[in-house]
Amino acid sequence: MLSLLESPFALLDSMRRSKTLTIMIIILVILFGSFFLFLYYMAGKQA
């Protein structure tokens, strides 16, 4: 259980140290968000 709670904090700690990791995660979040918005938009056109 403790390892599940440590994971996000370990990621934040790594992001604080690495600018490249931070940029990669921001881009990944933007891409996933765009993809789900695209799917939502397409599903709305079907109805």
PDB file of N, CA and C in Angstrom:
ATOM      1  N   MET A   1       0.836  -1.207   0.000  1.00  0.00           N
ATOM      2  CA  MET A   1       0.000   0.000   0.000  1.00  0.00           C
ATOM      3  C   MET A   1       0.871   1.257   0.000  1.00  0.00           C
ATOM      4  N   LEU A   2       1.951   1.206   0.772  1.00  0.00           N
ATOM      5  CA  LEU A   2       2.824   2.375   0.856  1.00  0.00           C
ATOM      6  C   LEU A   2       3.478   2.678  -0.484  1.00  0.00           C
ATOM      7  N   SER A   3       3.833   1.623  -1.240  1.00  0.00           N
ATOM      8  CA  SER A   3       4.487   1.849  -2.526  1.00  0.00           C
ATOM      9  C   SER A   3       3.536   2.520  -3.517  1.00  0.00           C
ATOM     10  N   LEU A   4       2.229   2.244  -3.400  1.00  0.00           N
ATOM     11  CA  LEU A   4       1.259   2.900  -4.283  1.00  0.00           C
ATOM     12  C   LEU A   4       1.184   4.394  -3.998  1.00  0.00           C
ATOM     13  N   LEU A   5       1.348   4.775  -2.746  1.00  0.00           N
ATOM     14  CA  LEU A   5       1.293   6.188  -2.387  1.00  0.00           C
ATOM     15  C   LEU A   5       2.602   6.897  -2.725  1.00  0.00           C
ATOM     16  N   GLU A   6       3.714   6.161  -2.710  1.00  0.00           N
ATOM     17  CA  GLU A   6       5.008   6.784  -2.986  1.00  0.00           C
ATOM     18  C   GLU A   6       5.196   7.073  -4.473  1.00  0.00           C
ATOM     19  N   SER A   7       4.536   6.324  -5.332  1.00  0.00           N
ATOM     20  CA  SER A   7       4.744   6.439  -6.768  1.00  0.00           C
ATOM     21  C   SER A   7       4.544   7.855  -7.317  1.00  0.00           C
ATOM     22  N   PRO A   8       3.373   8.486  -7.069  1.00  0.00           N
ATOM     23  CA  PRO A   8       3.204   9.842  -7.623  1.00  0.00           C
ATOM     24  C   PRO A   8       4.211  10.830  -7.057  1.00  0.00           C
ATOM     25  N   PHE A   9       4.571  10.674  -5.788  1.00  0.00           N
ATOM     26  CA  PHE A   9       5.532  11.595  -5.192  1.00  0.00           C
ATOM     27  C   PHE A   9       6.921  11.384  -5.767  1.00  0.00           C
ATOM     28  N   ALA A  10       7.257  10.127  -6.085  1.00  0.00           N
ATOM     29  CA  ALA A  10       8.541   9.842  -6.720  1.00  0.00           C
ATOM     30  C   ALA A  10       8.574  10.467  -8.118  1.00  0.00           C
ATOM     31  N   LEU A  11       7.444  10.403  -8.831  1.00  0.00           N
ATOM     32  CA  LEU A  11       7.378  11.014 -10.161  1.00  0.00           C
ATOM     33  C   LEU A  11       7.547  12.530 -10.059  1.00  0.00           C
ATOM     34  N   LEU A  12       6.866  13.143  -9.100  1.00  0.00           N
ATOM     35  CA  LEU A  12       6.992  14.595  -8.928  1.00  0.00           C
ATOM     36  C   LEU A  12       8.418  14.977  -8.562  1.00  0.00           C
ATOM     37  N   ASP A  13       9.067  14.160  -7.734  1.00  0.00           N
ATOM     38  CA  ASP A  13      10.446  14.436  -7.350  1.00  0.00           C
ATOM     39  C   ASP A  13      11.367  14.332  -8.568  1.00  0.00           C
ATOM     40  N   SER A  14      11.150  13.321  -9.401  1.00  0.00           N
ATOM     41  CA  SER A  14      11.949  13.165 -10.618  1.00  0.00           C
ATOM     42  C   SER A  14      11.694  14.315 -11.589  1.00  0.00           C
ATOM     43  N   MET A  15      10.427  14.742 -11.681  1.00  0.00           N
ATOM     44  CA  MET A  15      10.088  15.858 -12.569  1.00  0.00           C
ATOM     45  C   MET A  15      10.750  17.145 -12.098  1.00  0.00           C
ATOM     46  N   ARG A  16      10.872  17.304 -10.785  1.00  0.00           N
ATOM     47  CA  ARG A  16      11.501  18.502 -10.243  1.00  0.00           C
ATOM     48  C   ARG A  16      12.977  18.553 -10.644  1.00  0.00           C
ATOM     49  N   ARG A  17      13.594  17.367 -10.760  1.00  0.00           N
ATOM     50  CA  ARG A  17      15.015  17.319 -11.108  1.00  0.00           C
ATOM     51  C   ARG A  17      15.250  17.365 -12.610  1.00  0.00           C
ATOM     52  N   SER A  18      14.324  16.822 -13.400  1.00  0.00           N
ATOM     53  CA  SER A  18      14.560  16.675 -14.837  1.00  0.00           C
ATOM     54  C   SER A  18      13.579  17.517 -15.647  1.00  0.00           C
ATOM     55  N   LYS A  19      14.109  18.500 -16.345  1.00  0.00           N
ATOM     56  CA  LYS A  19      13.273  19.347 -17.190  1.00  0.00           C
ATOM     57  C   LYS A  19      12.728  18.551 -18.376  1.00  0.00           C
ATOM     58  N   THR A  20      13.532  17.625 -18.908  1.00  0.00           N
ATOM     59  CA  THR A  20      13.110  16.815 -20.050  1.00  0.00           C
ATOM     60  C   THR A  20      11.910  15.947 -19.687  1.00  0.00           C
ATOM     61  N   LEU A  21      11.962  15.308 -18.520  1.00  0.00           N
ATOM     62  CA  LEU A  21      10.850  14.469 -18.068  1.00  0.00           C
ATOM     63  C   LEU A  21       9.591  15.305 -17.900  1.00  0.00           C
ATOM     64  N   THR A  22       9.733  16.494 -17.346  1.00  0.00           N
ATOM     65  CA  THR A  22       8.586  17.381 -17.157  1.00  0.00           C
ATOM     66  C   THR A  22       7.949  17.729 -18.500  1.00  0.00           C
ATOM     67  N   ILE A  23       8.762  18.082 -19.483  1.00  0.00           N
ATOM     68  CA  ILE A  23       8.249  18.436 -20.808  1.00  0.00           C
ATOM     69  C   ILE A  23       7.567  17.237 -21.454  1.00  0.00           C
ATOM     70  N   MET A  24       8.174  16.037 -21.325  1.00  0.00           N
ATOM     71  CA  MET A  24       7.578  14.837 -21.908  1.00  0.00           C
ATOM     72  C   MET A  24       6.223  14.535 -21.288  1.00  0.00           C
ATOM     73  N   ILE A  25       6.100  14.695 -19.976  1.00  0.00           N
ATOM     74  CA  ILE A  25       4.832  14.391 -19.301  1.00  0.00           C
ATOM     75  C   ILE A  25       3.773  15.421 -19.670  1.00  0.00           C
ATOM     76  N   ILE A  26       4.159  16.687 -19.790  1.00  0.00           N
ATOM     77  CA  ILE A  26       3.199  17.726 -20.198  1.00  0.00           C
ATOM     78  C   ILE A  26       2.690  17.432 -21.613  1.00  0.00           C
ATOM     79  N   ILE A  27       3.598  17.065 -22.525  1.00  0.00           N
ATOM     80  CA  ILE A  27       3.191  16.747 -23.893  1.00  0.00           C
ATOM     81  C   ILE A  27       2.280  15.528 -23.907  1.00  0.00           C
ATOM     82  N   LEU A  28       2.616  14.510 -23.103  1.00  0.00           N
ATOM     83  CA  LEU A  28       1.795  13.304 -23.036  1.00  0.00           C
ATOM     84  C   LEU A  28       0.387  13.620 -22.542  1.00  0.00           C
ATOM     85  N   VAL A  29       0.273  14.455 -21.514  1.00  0.00           N
ATOM     86  CA  VAL A  29      -1.039  14.831 -20.983  1.00  0.00           C
ATOM     87  C   VAL A  29      -1.847  15.598 -22.032  1.00  0.00           C
ATOM     88  N   ILE A  30      -1.190  16.505 -22.756  1.00  0.00           N
ATOM     89  CA  ILE A  30      -1.875  17.267 -23.806  1.00  0.00           C
ATOM     90  C   ILE A  30      -2.359  16.334 -24.912  1.00  0.00           C
ATOM     91  N   LEU A  31      -1.515  15.371 -25.313  1.00  0.00           N
ATOM     92  CA  LEU A  31      -1.907  14.445 -26.373  1.00  0.00           C
ATOM     93  C   LEU A  31      -3.070  13.558 -25.952  1.00  0.00           C
ATOM     94  N   PHE A  32      -3.020  13.032 -24.719  1.00  0.00           N
ATOM     95  CA  PHE A  32      -4.124  12.198 -24.239  1.00  0.00           C
ATOM     96  C   PHE A  32      -5.413  13.012 -24.138  1.00  0.00           C
ATOM     97  N   GLY A  33      -5.304  14.238 -23.631  1.00  0.00           N
ATOM     98  CA  GLY A  33      -6.485  15.088 -23.517  1.00  0.00           C
ATOM     99  C   GLY A  33      -7.074  15.399 -24.883  1.00  0.00           C
ATOM    100  N   SER A  34      -6.216  15.707 -25.842  1.00  0.00           N
ATOM    101  CA  SER A  34      -6.681  15.997 -27.194  1.00  0.00           C
ATOM    102  C   SER A  34      -7.354  14.784 -27.813  1.00  0.00           C
ATOM    103  N   PHE A  35      -6.776  13.609 -27.594  1.00  0.00           N
ATOM    104  CA  PHE A  35      -7.337  12.386 -28.151  1.00  0.00           C
ATOM    105  C   PHE A  35      -8.734  12.122 -27.584  1.00  0.00           C
ATOM    106  N   PHE A  36      -8.894  12.273 -26.267  1.00  0.00           N
ATOM    107  CA  PHE A  36     -10.202  12.023 -25.672  1.00  0.00           C
ATOM    108  C   PHE A  36     -11.225  13.088 -26.065  1.00  0.00           C
ATOM    109  N   LEU A  37     -10.781  14.323 -26.235  1.00  0.00           N
ATOM    110  CA  LEU A  37     -11.693  15.348 -26.740  1.00  0.00           C
ATOM    111  C   LEU A  37     -12.125  15.035 -28.173  1.00  0.00           C
ATOM    112  N   PHE A  38     -11.186  14.546 -28.974  1.00  0.00           N
ATOM    113  CA  PHE A  38     -11.497  14.140 -30.343  1.00  0.00           C
ATOM    114  C   PHE A  38     -12.525  13.008 -30.358  1.00  0.00           C
ATOM    115  N   LEU A  39     -12.314  12.008 -29.496  1.00  0.00           N
ATOM    116  CA  LEU A  39     -13.270  10.904 -29.419  1.00  0.00           C
ATOM    117  C   LEU A  39     -14.646  11.391 -28.968  1.00  0.00           C
ATOM    118  N   TYR A  40     -14.661  12.291 -27.994  1.00  0.00           N
ATOM    119  CA  TYR A  40     -15.921  12.840 -27.499  1.00  0.00           C
ATOM    120  C   TYR A  40     -16.640  13.609 -28.613  1.00  0.00           C
ATOM    121  N   TYR A  41     -15.873  14.377 -29.375  1.00  0.00           N
ATOM    122  CA  TYR A  41     -16.428  15.151 -30.485  1.00  0.00           C
ATOM    123  C   TYR A  41     -17.019  14.211 -31.553  1.00  0.00           C
ATOM    124  N   MET A  42     -16.281  13.152 -31.880  1.00  0.00           N
ATOM    125  CA  MET A  42     -16.738  12.207 -32.888  1.00  0.00           C
ATOM    126  C   MET A  42     -17.972  11.444 -32.412  1.00  0.00           C
ATOM    127  N   ALA A  43     -17.999  11.093 -31.156  1.00  0.00           N
ATOM    128  CA  ALA A  43     -19.172  10.388 -30.597  1.00  0.00           C
ATOM    129  C   ALA A  43     -20.388  11.308 -30.640  1.00  0.00           C
ATOM    130  N   GLY A  44     -20.196  12.602 -30.436  1.00  0.00           N
ATOM    131  CA  GLY A  44     -21.289  13.549 -30.481  1.00  0.00           C
ATOM    132  C   GLY A  44     -21.847  13.724 -31.887  1.00  0.00           C
ATOM    133  N   LYS A  45     -21.003  13.591 -32.892  1.00  0.00           N
ATOM    134  CA  LYS A  45     -21.464  13.720 -34.278  1.00  0.00           C
ATOM    135  C   LYS A  45     -22.305  12.513 -34.697  1.00  0.00           C
ATOM    136  N   GLN A  46     -22.084  11.360 -34.070  1.00  0.00           N
ATOM    137  CA  GLN A  46     -22.822  10.150 -34.421  1.00  0.00           C
ATOM    138  C   GLN A  46     -24.280  10.207 -33.954  1.00  0.00           C
ATOM    139  N   ALA A  47     -24.501  10.860 -32.843  1.00  0.00           N
ATOM    140  CA  ALA A  47     -25.842  10.853 -32.240  1.00  0.00           C
ATOM    141  C   ALA A  47     -26.826  11.692 -33.020  1.00  0.00           C
TER     142      ALA A  47
END
